[in-house]
Amino acid sequence: MDELARDDKNRAELLSYRENNDYDYSMAGCTANVILIKDNTLYCANAGDTRCCISNDGKLVKMSKDHKPTDSAEH
């Protein structure tokens, strides 16, 4: 994306979305949620405002922990 944004034509197109939209881009960011199943074990990693959960026998199981900038682990 960075490489595409360096091109003047592409950058102009991206900026046009911002100008023609009421979305507050100052709050924009990215999120990721990755699941790995290996040797009959389920691993979950997440970043940003994303959550992962599964159903185990009809019960909700949280697989990720929300990231908050105020968490001591985030410093």
Protein backbone atom coordinates (compact mmCIF):
# COMPACT_ATOMS: atom_id res chain seq x y z
CA MET A 1 0.00 0.00 0.00
CA ASP A 2 2.84 2.36 0.81
CA GLU A 3 4.35 1.77 -2.61
CA LEU A 4 1.01 2.41 -4.32
CA ALA A 5 0.47 5.61 -2.32
CA ARG A 6 3.81 7.00 -3.52
CA ASP A 7 2.42 7.22 -7.04
CA ASP A 8 0.73 10.62 -7.61
CA LYS A 9 -2.27 9.14 -9.46
CA ASN A 10 -2.93 6.53 -6.79
CA ARG A 11 -2.45 9.04 -3.97
CA ALA A 12 -4.97 11.39 -5.61
CA GLU A 13 -7.48 8.56 -5.84
CA LEU A 14 -7.00 7.65 -2.17
CA LEU A 15 -7.41 11.29 -1.12
CA SER A 16 -10.60 11.57 -3.17
CA TYR A 17 -12.16 8.84 -1.02
CA ARG A 18 -11.35 10.87 2.04
CA GLU A 19 -12.77 14.09 0.60
CA ASN A 20 -16.00 12.43 -0.54
CA ASN A 21 -16.72 10.58 2.68
CA ASP A 22 -17.90 11.56 6.15
CA TYR A 23 -15.65 8.96 7.81
CA ASP A 24 -13.24 10.34 10.42
CA TYR A 25 -9.91 9.07 9.10
CA SER A 26 -8.05 10.48 12.10
CA MET A 27 -9.31 7.41 13.95
CA ALA A 28 -8.37 4.96 11.18
CA GLY A 29 -5.95 2.14 11.81
CA CYS A 30 -5.49 -1.49 11.04
CA THR A 31 -6.39 -4.76 12.65
CA ALA A 32 -5.28 -8.32 12.27
CA ASN A 33 -6.45 -11.66 13.59
CA VAL A 34 -4.51 -14.83 12.77
CA ILE A 35 -5.38 -18.41 13.66
CA LEU A 36 -2.96 -21.32 13.42
CA ILE A 37 -3.91 -24.94 13.98
CA LYS A 38 -0.89 -27.17 14.51
CA ASP A 39 -0.60 -30.59 16.15
CA ASN A 40 -4.22 -30.43 17.30
CA THR A 41 -3.62 -27.08 19.06
CA LEU A 42 -5.34 -23.81 18.12
CA TYR A 43 -3.25 -20.63 18.40
CA CYS A 44 -4.62 -17.11 18.06
CA ALA A 45 -2.84 -13.78 17.62
CA ASN A 46 -4.47 -10.41 17.25
CA ALA A 47 -3.62 -6.73 17.03
CA GLY A 48 -5.78 -3.64 16.96
CA ASP A 49 -9.53 -3.56 17.38
CA THR A 50 -10.25 -7.16 16.52
CA ARG A 51 -11.53 -10.08 18.52
CA CYS A 52 -11.61 -13.79 17.98
CA CYS A 53 -13.89 -16.30 19.63
CA ILE A 54 -15.04 -19.83 18.91
CA SER A 55 -17.92 -22.01 19.95
CA ASN A 56 -16.95 -25.09 21.92
CA ASP A 57 -19.89 -27.38 22.50
CA GLY A 58 -22.20 -24.36 22.15
CA LYS A 59 -20.25 -22.25 24.65
CA LEU A 60 -18.41 -19.06 23.78
CA VAL A 61 -14.64 -19.24 24.19
CA LYS A 62 -12.65 -16.01 23.88
CA MET A 63 -9.47 -16.64 21.91
CA SER A 64 -7.99 -13.14 21.96
CA LYS A 65 -7.45 -10.30 24.37
CA ASP A 66 -8.33 -6.71 23.44
CA HIS A 67 -5.36 -4.39 23.03
CA LYS A 68 -5.70 -1.11 24.90
CA PRO A 69 -3.06 1.65 24.82
CA THR A 70 -3.44 2.01 28.59
CA ASP A 71 -2.46 -1.64 29.28
CA SER A 72 0.92 -1.87 30.98
CA ALA A 73 1.90 -4.67 28.56
CA GLU A 74 1.49 -2.22 25.67
CA HIS A 75 4.22 0.15 26.92
